[in-house]
Protein backbone atom coordinates (compact mmCIF):
# COMPACT_ATOMS: atom_id res chain seq x y z
CA MET A 1 -3.92 -32.73 -8.77
CA MET A 2 -4.40 -29.18 -7.65
CA THR A 3 -7.80 -28.50 -6.20
CA PRO A 4 -9.54 -25.28 -7.28
CA GLN A 5 -8.49 -23.56 -3.66
CA ASP A 6 -4.98 -24.57 -4.70
CA VAL A 7 -5.23 -22.80 -8.07
CA ILE A 8 -6.80 -19.67 -6.43
CA ASP A 9 -4.01 -19.61 -3.84
CA ARG A 10 -1.27 -19.92 -6.35
CA GLU A 11 -3.00 -16.56 -8.43
CA ASP A 12 -3.20 -14.71 -4.91
CA ARG A 13 0.49 -15.65 -4.27
CA PHE A 14 2.09 -14.92 -7.69
CA LEU A 15 -0.20 -12.22 -9.17
CA ALA A 16 -0.85 -8.71 -8.39
CA HIS A 17 -4.21 -8.25 -6.29
CA ASN A 18 -5.70 -5.79 -8.86
CA TYR A 19 -8.87 -7.80 -9.48
CA HIS A 20 -11.42 -9.36 -6.97
CA PRO A 21 -12.84 -12.62 -9.14
CA LEU A 22 -15.47 -14.78 -8.16
CA PRO A 23 -14.25 -18.17 -6.62
CA VAL A 24 -14.54 -20.07 -9.70
CA VAL A 25 -11.67 -21.58 -11.71
CA LEU A 26 -12.47 -21.84 -15.26
CA ALA A 27 -10.93 -24.47 -17.52
CA LYS A 28 -13.06 -24.62 -20.98
CA GLY A 29 -15.63 -22.55 -22.86
CA ASP A 30 -18.07 -23.35 -25.69
CA GLY A 31 -20.80 -21.08 -26.80
CA VAL A 32 -22.37 -19.24 -24.13
CA TRP A 33 -21.20 -22.07 -21.59
CA VAL A 34 -18.09 -22.18 -19.57
CA TRP A 35 -17.02 -25.04 -17.29
CA ASP A 36 -14.60 -25.17 -14.09
CA THR A 37 -11.91 -27.62 -13.51
CA GLU A 38 -14.22 -29.90 -11.45
CA GLY A 39 -16.70 -30.05 -14.36
CA ASN A 40 -19.44 -27.86 -13.31
CA LYS A 41 -21.17 -25.86 -16.11
CA TYR A 42 -22.09 -22.21 -15.92
CA LEU A 43 -23.87 -19.93 -18.36
CA ASP A 44 -21.61 -17.10 -19.10
CA PHE A 45 -23.61 -13.86 -18.41
CA LEU A 46 -20.81 -11.58 -18.71
CA SER A 47 -19.12 -12.60 -21.86
CA ALA A 48 -15.74 -11.13 -20.70
CA TYR A 49 -17.32 -7.49 -20.47
CA SER A 50 -18.73 -7.74 -24.04
CA ALA A 51 -15.63 -9.06 -25.53
CA VAL A 52 -17.07 -12.69 -26.20
CA SER A 53 -20.11 -11.31 -28.22
CA ALA A 54 -19.53 -14.51 -30.45
CA GLY A 55 -19.41 -16.85 -27.81
CA HIS A 56 -16.61 -19.12 -26.59
CA HIS A 57 -14.57 -21.02 -28.82
CA ASN A 58 -16.40 -19.74 -31.83
CA PRO A 59 -15.46 -22.01 -34.96
CA ARG A 60 -15.32 -19.36 -37.47
CA ILE A 61 -13.06 -17.14 -35.13
CA LEU A 62 -10.92 -20.02 -34.44
CA LYS A 63 -10.62 -21.11 -38.24
CA ALA A 64 -9.84 -17.42 -39.38
CA MET A 65 -7.10 -17.42 -36.58
CA ALA A 66 -5.75 -20.53 -37.40
CA THR A 67 -5.35 -20.40 -41.07
CA GLN A 68 -3.58 -16.91 -40.39
CA VAL A 69 -1.26 -18.35 -37.84
CA GLU A 70 -0.16 -21.02 -40.27
CA LYS A 71 0.84 -18.00 -42.87
CA LEU A 72 2.31 -15.15 -40.96
CA GLY A 73 2.25 -14.07 -37.38
CA VAL A 74 3.30 -10.70 -36.43
CA PRO A 75 5.93 -8.62 -38.89
CA SER A 76 5.11 -5.40 -37.24
CA ARG A 77 3.95 -2.39 -39.16
CA ALA A 78 7.43 -2.09 -40.73
CA PHE A 79 6.01 -3.66 -43.92
CA TYR A 80 2.79 -4.06 -45.80
CA THR A 81 0.84 -7.36 -45.36
CA ASP A 82 -1.99 -8.69 -47.56
CA VAL A 83 -4.77 -8.65 -45.05
CA LEU A 84 -4.36 -5.30 -42.92
CA GLY A 85 -6.03 -3.36 -45.63
CA GLU A 86 -9.14 -5.37 -46.35
CA PHE A 87 -9.59 -5.22 -42.42
CA ALA A 88 -9.19 -1.48 -42.34
CA GLU A 89 -11.42 -0.80 -45.37
CA ARG A 90 -14.02 -3.27 -44.05
CA LEU A 91 -14.22 -1.43 -40.72
CA CYS A 92 -14.31 1.94 -42.16
CA GLN A 93 -17.30 0.57 -44.48
CA VAL A 94 -19.29 -0.80 -41.69
CA THR A 95 -18.67 2.32 -39.25
CA GLY A 96 -18.95 5.08 -42.21
CA MET A 97 -15.49 6.68 -40.93
CA ASP A 98 -12.59 7.36 -43.27
CA ARG A 99 -9.64 5.70 -41.98
CA MET A 100 -8.87 3.59 -39.20
CA LEU A 101 -5.49 3.23 -36.93
CA PRO A 102 -5.02 -0.23 -35.39
CA MET A 103 -4.22 -1.14 -31.95
CA ASN A 104 -4.52 -3.72 -29.27
CA THR A 105 -6.51 -2.84 -26.25
CA GLY A 106 -9.29 -0.19 -25.65
CA ALA A 107 -7.35 1.93 -23.43
CA GLU A 108 -4.58 2.09 -26.27
CA ALA A 109 -7.49 2.92 -28.81
CA VAL A 110 -8.49 5.93 -26.43
CA GLU A 111 -4.92 7.06 -25.93
CA THR A 112 -4.91 7.11 -29.64
CA ALA A 113 -7.95 9.18 -30.11
CA ILE A 114 -6.61 11.71 -27.33
CA LYS A 115 -3.43 12.13 -29.08
CA ALA A 116 -5.38 12.74 -32.55
CA ALA A 117 -7.82 15.12 -30.76
CA ARG A 118 -4.85 17.38 -29.45
CA ARG A 119 -2.69 17.44 -32.65
CA TRP A 120 -5.93 17.94 -34.47
CA GLY A 121 -6.73 20.95 -32.31
CA TYR A 122 -3.19 22.64 -32.94
CA ARG A 123 -2.84 21.80 -36.54
CA VAL A 124 -6.15 22.12 -37.95
CA LYS A 125 -8.41 24.41 -35.36
CA GLY A 126 -5.41 26.68 -34.55
CA ILE A 127 -5.46 26.19 -30.83
CA LYS A 128 -2.09 27.60 -29.15
CA ASP A 129 0.27 25.20 -28.30
CA ASN A 130 -0.36 22.95 -25.16
CA LYS A 131 -3.58 24.89 -24.52
CA ALA A 132 -5.95 21.88 -26.06
CA ARG A 133 -8.81 20.69 -23.83
CA ILE A 134 -11.12 17.64 -24.25
CA ILE A 135 -14.18 17.41 -22.48
CA VAL A 136 -15.06 14.34 -20.48
CA CYS A 137 -17.84 13.10 -18.45
CA ASN A 138 -18.25 12.08 -14.63
CA GLY A 139 -18.67 8.43 -14.17
CA ASN A 140 -16.68 7.62 -17.57
CA PHE A 141 -14.65 4.50 -17.90
CA HIS A 142 -12.02 4.57 -20.83
CA GLY A 143 -9.20 2.50 -19.58
CA ARG A 144 -6.64 2.17 -17.20
CA THR A 145 -3.72 4.00 -18.37
CA THR A 146 -2.36 7.12 -16.08
CA THR A 147 -3.51 9.59 -18.79
CA ILE A 148 -7.02 8.08 -18.52
CA VAL A 149 -7.50 7.44 -14.93
CA GLY A 150 -6.36 10.94 -14.57
CA PHE A 151 -9.79 12.32 -15.87
CA SER A 152 -11.62 9.67 -14.03
CA SER A 153 -14.17 10.69 -11.35
CA ASP A 154 -13.53 7.64 -9.33
CA ALA A 155 -11.29 8.16 -6.34
CA ASP A 156 -10.28 4.55 -6.31
CA TYR A 157 -9.08 4.58 -10.10
CA ARG A 158 -6.85 7.69 -9.27
CA ALA A 159 -5.53 7.09 -5.63
CA GLY A 160 -1.76 7.18 -5.81
CA PHE A 161 -1.25 7.07 -9.31
CA GLY A 162 -0.69 11.04 -9.60
CA PRO A 163 0.40 13.55 -10.95
CA PHE A 164 -1.88 13.32 -13.80
CA SER A 165 -1.76 14.87 -17.29
CA SER A 166 -3.81 18.03 -17.49
CA GLY A 167 -6.07 19.17 -20.20
CA PHE A 168 -9.47 17.90 -19.38
CA ASP A 169 -12.68 19.35 -18.09
CA SER A 170 -15.13 16.88 -16.63
CA ILE A 171 -19.04 17.62 -16.76
CA PRO A 172 -22.24 15.60 -15.87
CA PHE A 173 -23.11 12.56 -17.94
CA GLY A 174 -25.98 13.45 -20.16
CA ASP A 175 -26.32 17.19 -19.42
CA TYR A 176 -26.28 19.05 -22.73
CA ASP A 177 -26.31 22.53 -20.63
CA ALA A 178 -23.15 21.52 -18.92
CA LEU A 179 -21.61 20.44 -22.37
CA GLU A 180 -22.29 23.86 -23.65
CA ARG A 181 -21.07 25.78 -20.88
CA ALA A 182 -17.64 23.75 -20.83
CA ILE A 183 -16.76 24.43 -24.45
CA THR A 184 -14.19 27.36 -25.01
CA PRO A 185 -12.16 28.36 -27.93
CA ASP A 186 -9.40 25.64 -26.57
CA THR A 187 -11.92 22.62 -26.97
CA CYS A 188 -10.67 20.48 -29.31
CA ALA A 189 -12.99 17.57 -28.46
CA PHE A 190 -15.73 15.72 -26.52
CA LEU A 191 -14.83 12.06 -25.61
CA VAL A 192 -17.88 10.03 -24.29
CA GLU A 193 -19.60 6.78 -23.83
CA PRO A 194 -23.11 6.47 -25.72
CA ILE A 195 -23.74 4.35 -22.70
CA GLN A 196 -21.59 4.11 -19.52
CA GLY A 197 -20.95 0.46 -18.99
CA GLU A 198 -18.44 0.35 -16.31
CA GLY A 199 -20.42 3.10 -14.52
CA GLY A 200 -23.56 1.08 -14.01
CA ILE A 201 -25.18 0.78 -17.62
CA ILE A 202 -26.28 4.53 -17.32
CA ILE A 203 -28.04 5.81 -20.31
CA PRO A 204 -28.34 9.55 -21.33
CA PRO A 205 -31.45 11.38 -21.87
CA ASP A 206 -33.00 10.72 -25.56
CA GLY A 207 -31.65 13.10 -28.03
CA TYR A 208 -28.65 13.78 -25.92
CA LEU A 209 -26.24 12.44 -28.42
CA ARG A 210 -27.91 14.14 -31.30
CA ARG A 211 -27.93 17.75 -29.55
CA ALA A 212 -24.22 16.99 -28.42
CA GLN A 213 -23.20 16.40 -32.33
CA GLU A 214 -24.93 19.72 -33.50
CA LEU A 215 -23.45 21.80 -30.69
CA CYS A 216 -20.05 20.13 -31.55
CA ARG A 217 -20.27 20.69 -35.24
CA ASN A 218 -21.28 24.38 -34.35
CA GLN A 219 -18.28 25.13 -32.08
CA ASN A 220 -15.61 23.13 -34.30
CA VAL A 221 -15.33 20.51 -31.63
CA LEU A 222 -14.68 16.67 -32.36
CA LEU A 223 -17.19 14.24 -31.15
CA ILE A 224 -15.36 11.27 -30.30
CA LEU A 225 -17.28 8.26 -29.12
CA ASP A 226 -16.19 5.38 -27.26
CA GLU A 227 -17.77 2.28 -28.32
CA ILE A 228 -15.55 -0.35 -27.13
CA GLN A 229 -17.98 -1.70 -24.86
CA THR A 230 -21.50 -0.64 -26.76
CA GLY A 231 -20.20 -1.29 -30.19
CA LEU A 232 -20.38 -4.29 -32.78
CA SER A 233 -24.10 -5.13 -31.99
CA ARG A 234 -23.85 -5.07 -28.34
CA THR A 235 -26.66 -2.45 -27.59
CA GLY A 236 -29.41 -3.50 -30.36
CA LYS A 237 -27.45 -1.58 -33.59
CA ASP A 238 -24.18 -2.12 -35.16
CA PHE A 239 -23.13 0.90 -33.05
CA CYS A 240 -24.74 2.64 -30.22
CA PHE A 241 -24.49 6.00 -32.10
CA GLN A 242 -26.70 4.67 -34.63
CA TYR A 243 -29.67 5.18 -32.30
CA GLU A 244 -29.44 9.14 -32.80
CA ILE A 245 -26.71 10.30 -35.35
CA ASP A 246 -25.15 9.46 -38.47
CA LYS A 247 -21.60 9.04 -37.23
CA PRO A 248 -19.26 10.61 -35.07
CA ASP A 249 -15.60 12.38 -35.83
CA GLY A 250 -13.69 9.80 -33.94
CA LEU A 251 -14.80 6.38 -32.83
CA THR A 252 -12.67 4.10 -30.50
CA LEU A 253 -13.68 0.21 -30.75
CA GLY A 254 -12.30 -2.93 -29.08
CA LYS A 255 -13.33 -6.10 -26.92
CA ALA A 256 -15.73 -7.86 -29.32
CA LEU A 257 -13.64 -6.88 -32.37
CA GLY A 258 -11.08 -9.53 -31.09
CA GLY A 259 -13.43 -12.38 -31.27
CA GLY A 260 -12.98 -13.26 -27.86
CA VAL A 261 -9.56 -14.83 -28.23
CA TYR A 262 -7.20 -11.86 -29.47
CA PRO A 263 -6.91 -8.11 -28.38
CA VAL A 264 -7.92 -6.01 -31.22
CA SER A 265 -8.89 -2.56 -31.08
CA ALA A 266 -9.14 0.44 -33.29
CA PHE A 267 -9.64 4.35 -33.45
CA LEU A 268 -11.27 5.43 -36.41
CA ALA A 269 -11.91 8.98 -37.62
CA ARG A 270 -12.71 11.33 -40.55
CA ALA A 271 -9.50 11.81 -42.87
CA ASP A 272 -8.70 15.54 -41.37
CA VAL A 273 -8.32 14.25 -38.22
CA MET A 274 -6.08 10.95 -38.98
CA ASP A 275 -3.90 13.11 -41.27
CA VAL A 276 -2.51 14.48 -38.12
CA PHE A 277 -0.34 11.46 -37.88
CA GLU A 278 2.85 10.98 -40.07
CA PRO A 279 5.46 8.36 -40.07
CA GLY A 280 7.10 8.35 -36.30
CA SER A 281 4.23 10.32 -34.73
CA HIS A 282 2.41 6.98 -33.25
CA GLY A 283 2.83 3.31 -33.60
CA SER A 284 2.02 -0.21 -32.11
CA THR A 285 4.53 -3.37 -32.51
CA PHE A 286 1.45 -5.61 -32.61
CA GLY A 287 -1.25 -2.87 -33.63
CA GLY A 288 -2.67 -4.21 -36.78
CA ASN A 289 -0.66 -7.32 -37.13
CA PRO A 290 -2.08 -10.00 -39.36
CA ILE A 291 -3.65 -12.36 -36.86
CA ALA A 292 -5.36 -9.50 -35.44
CA ALA A 293 -6.91 -8.42 -38.77
CA ALA A 294 -7.74 -11.73 -39.76
CA ILE A 295 -9.80 -12.17 -36.59
CA GLY A 296 -11.13 -8.45 -36.63
CA LEU A 297 -12.69 -9.43 -40.44
CA GLU A 298 -14.26 -12.67 -39.11
CA ALA A 299 -15.80 -10.85 -36.42
CA LEU A 300 -17.17 -8.20 -38.62
CA ALA A 301 -18.31 -11.10 -41.04
CA LEU A 302 -20.20 -12.85 -38.02
CA ILE A 303 -21.85 -9.69 -37.02
CA ALA A 304 -23.43 -9.39 -40.67
CA ASP A 305 -23.81 -12.99 -41.65
CA ASP A 306 -25.62 -14.09 -38.08
CA HIS A 307 -27.88 -10.91 -37.64
CA TYR A 308 -26.04 -9.91 -34.30
CA SER A 309 -27.78 -6.44 -33.94
CA GLN A 310 -31.03 -7.73 -34.66
CA ARG A 311 -30.56 -10.84 -32.04
CA SER A 312 -29.33 -8.43 -29.60
CA PHE A 313 -32.24 -5.91 -29.95
CA GLU A 314 -34.78 -8.35 -29.79
CA LEU A 315 -33.35 -10.82 -27.00
CA GLY A 316 -32.20 -7.54 -25.06
CA GLU A 317 -35.78 -6.21 -25.00
CA TYR A 318 -36.96 -9.72 -23.91
CA LEU A 319 -34.33 -10.15 -21.23
CA ARG A 320 -35.05 -6.68 -19.98
CA GLY A 321 -38.99 -7.34 -19.85
CA LYS A 322 -38.26 -10.59 -18.09
CA LEU A 323 -36.11 -9.08 -15.21
CA GLU A 324 -38.58 -6.11 -14.73
CA ALA A 325 -41.29 -8.65 -14.59
CA LEU A 326 -39.61 -10.18 -11.52
CA GLN A 327 -40.75 -7.32 -9.14
CA SER A 328 -38.33 -8.05 -6.47
CA PRO A 329 -37.90 -5.67 -3.73
CA LEU A 330 -34.33 -5.92 -3.82
CA ILE A 331 -34.26 -4.37 -7.43
CA ARG A 332 -34.09 -0.65 -7.74
CA GLU A 333 -34.05 -0.43 -11.45
CA VAL A 334 -33.20 -2.28 -14.46
CA ARG A 335 -31.91 -0.36 -17.60
CA GLY A 336 -30.15 -0.86 -20.87
CA LYS A 337 -30.19 -1.61 -24.45
CA GLY A 338 -29.87 -4.77 -26.44
CA LEU A 339 -27.99 -7.20 -24.53
CA LEU A 340 -26.17 -4.73 -22.36
CA ILE A 341 -28.39 -4.49 -19.10
CA GLY A 342 -27.98 -3.42 -15.78
CA MET A 343 -29.89 -4.24 -12.66
CA GLU A 344 -29.38 -1.80 -9.86
CA ILE A 345 -29.78 -3.29 -6.11
CA TYR A 346 -30.96 -1.72 -2.97
CA THR A 347 -27.61 -2.09 -1.32
CA ASN A 348 -29.20 -1.19 2.28
CA GLN A 349 -30.55 -4.50 1.83
CA VAL A 350 -28.15 -6.88 0.11
CA SER A 351 -24.61 -6.29 -2.06
CA ALA A 352 -24.75 -6.70 -5.60
CA ARG A 353 -21.65 -9.43 -5.20
CA SER A 354 -23.44 -11.34 -2.87
CA ILE A 355 -25.99 -11.94 -5.56
CA CYS A 356 -23.41 -12.55 -7.86
CA GLU A 357 -21.90 -15.15 -5.38
CA ALA A 358 -25.26 -16.93 -5.20
CA LEU A 359 -25.71 -16.75 -8.92
CA LYS A 360 -22.45 -18.53 -9.33
CA THR A 361 -23.68 -21.73 -6.90
CA ARG A 362 -26.61 -21.88 -9.37
CA GLY A 363 -24.51 -22.08 -12.65
CA VAL A 364 -24.94 -18.38 -13.81
CA LEU A 365 -21.73 -16.41 -14.16
CA CYS A 366 -22.18 -12.28 -14.01
CA LYS A 367 -20.31 -9.53 -12.21
CA GLU A 368 -21.31 -6.53 -9.93
CA THR A 369 -20.01 -2.83 -11.10
CA HIS A 370 -19.61 -0.11 -8.61
CA GLU A 371 -20.93 -2.43 -5.94
CA THR A 372 -24.49 -1.50 -6.94
CA THR A 373 -25.35 -2.85 -10.10
CA ILE A 374 -25.12 -6.32 -11.82
CA ARG A 375 -24.26 -6.10 -15.24
CA PHE A 376 -26.05 -8.74 -17.62
CA ALA A 377 -24.05 -8.97 -20.99
CA PRO A 378 -24.19 -12.49 -22.47
CA PRO A 379 -22.85 -13.51 -25.81
CA LEU A 380 -24.93 -12.37 -28.29
CA ILE A 381 -25.61 -16.09 -29.64
CA ILE A 382 -27.78 -16.53 -26.63
CA THR A 383 -30.98 -18.14 -27.04
CA GLN A 384 -34.58 -17.24 -25.63
CA GLU A 385 -34.66 -20.38 -23.80
CA GLN A 386 -31.18 -19.96 -22.16
CA ILE A 387 -32.38 -16.77 -20.96
CA ASP A 388 -35.51 -18.15 -19.55
CA TRP A 389 -33.43 -20.46 -17.57
CA ALA A 390 -30.94 -17.79 -16.24
CA VAL A 391 -33.88 -15.35 -15.29
CA GLY A 392 -35.28 -18.27 -13.19
CA GLU A 393 -32.15 -18.42 -11.29
CA VAL A 394 -31.99 -14.80 -10.41
CA ALA A 395 -35.59 -15.15 -9.45
CA ASP A 396 -34.82 -17.90 -7.10
CA VAL A 397 -31.88 -15.97 -5.79
CA LEU A 398 -33.61 -12.76 -5.12
CA SER A 399 -36.41 -14.88 -3.43
CA SER A 400 -33.89 -16.58 -1.28
CA LEU A 401 -32.10 -13.29 -0.30
C-alpha cells in the first residue's frame, strides 16, 4: 500500500510542477469535510477556489449528473439536445442577460468574451480592423491562456510565454479617473472583476462599478464582468455586481456553475453582443453538453432553494467579524464580501503559507494567494458552529507563531 509520501513522490515525478500543493493527499469528500488517505478529517476552507460552493459529494448534484449520464453524454453542439436550452434560459433569467454561450472552463469563457468584444467593436461600434482595444486592471486574474496572461501584471504569469497578443490597456484597479483617461474611440470593452480574488481579495471603492457602468454607457464601451469566482452567491448576492448595478453588458461565469464535479462555464451578454457570432465563428466540443447543462441547472436550483446568497451574506459577516476580533499582531487586514474573505499577513514576521501549513495539521485546509494573503472561501453550506471551530484553530495557530 502506498504511503502519502509515495503518492506525493509519484505526482512530483510524472506531473508538471506547475502547482505547489500543501502536503496532504485527499481521498474523500462530503459536505464541508474532506479526508486524506490515512483517514484524517479536514474542514475545507477553500472549496476549490469557490468551485465547491454546494459542498463535496452534494447528493442533488450527483443525482442530476447520474440521471443525465444514463440518458446522453456528449453529442457535441452538432445537434440540439433536450436540456441545453432549458439551462440557457434559466441562466439568462437569473443573470438578466439576453443570451449565453456555453464553454467548459473560466479561461474559455473569458477568451469568448474577448472575441465577442472585439468583433462587436468592429461590426457594431465601427472600430477599424485590428484596432480594437480592451481595458483591463493591474492585479487581474482572468485565466492562464497565452492571451490572458499577456495582459497580466504579474511577472510570474508572463515569464517565458511571449510573444503576447496586443490590444490591451492596463489601469490601476478601482481607479475611476484612470479608466476615464484610458478610454479612446478604439476602446471596445472594459474587462474587470468586481473583487480581485486571486489578486488577494481586493475590493474597489464603493460606487466604483456604478460609475464605471455610467462611463462605459456614455462612451459606447462594453462593461464585461468576470464573476467566475465572485458569482453564484459567493459574495452574499447572486452576483457581486448586484451590490451596485442592474447588469453588465457581458458576464463570465464558471467554477460553482459545475457543482464541484464538472467543468461548466458560460459567457453571457446582451443580444447585439452575442449576435456577432455565427456558425463557424466559435465553438467547443464539450461546451454545453447535456451533462454540463443538467449539472448547471441543478447548481442554479440549489442556489435558489437553499438560499445560498442569504447564507453567504450572513455567515460571511459573521466570519469576517470573528477574524477581525482576533486582534493578532500578525494580521495586517481582514477584507471581503460574503464568504470570500482574505486575511492579509505581515509577511516580515511570518509567511502566509506557513500559516496554511500549520492550519493543515489542525484540520483546516486553506491556501495563500500572492504569498501575503490567506483566502477563506468555504462551501456555502458551512454552519456557524463549523466557522467557530475553524476560527478557533486560526487563533491557536496565530498565537503559536
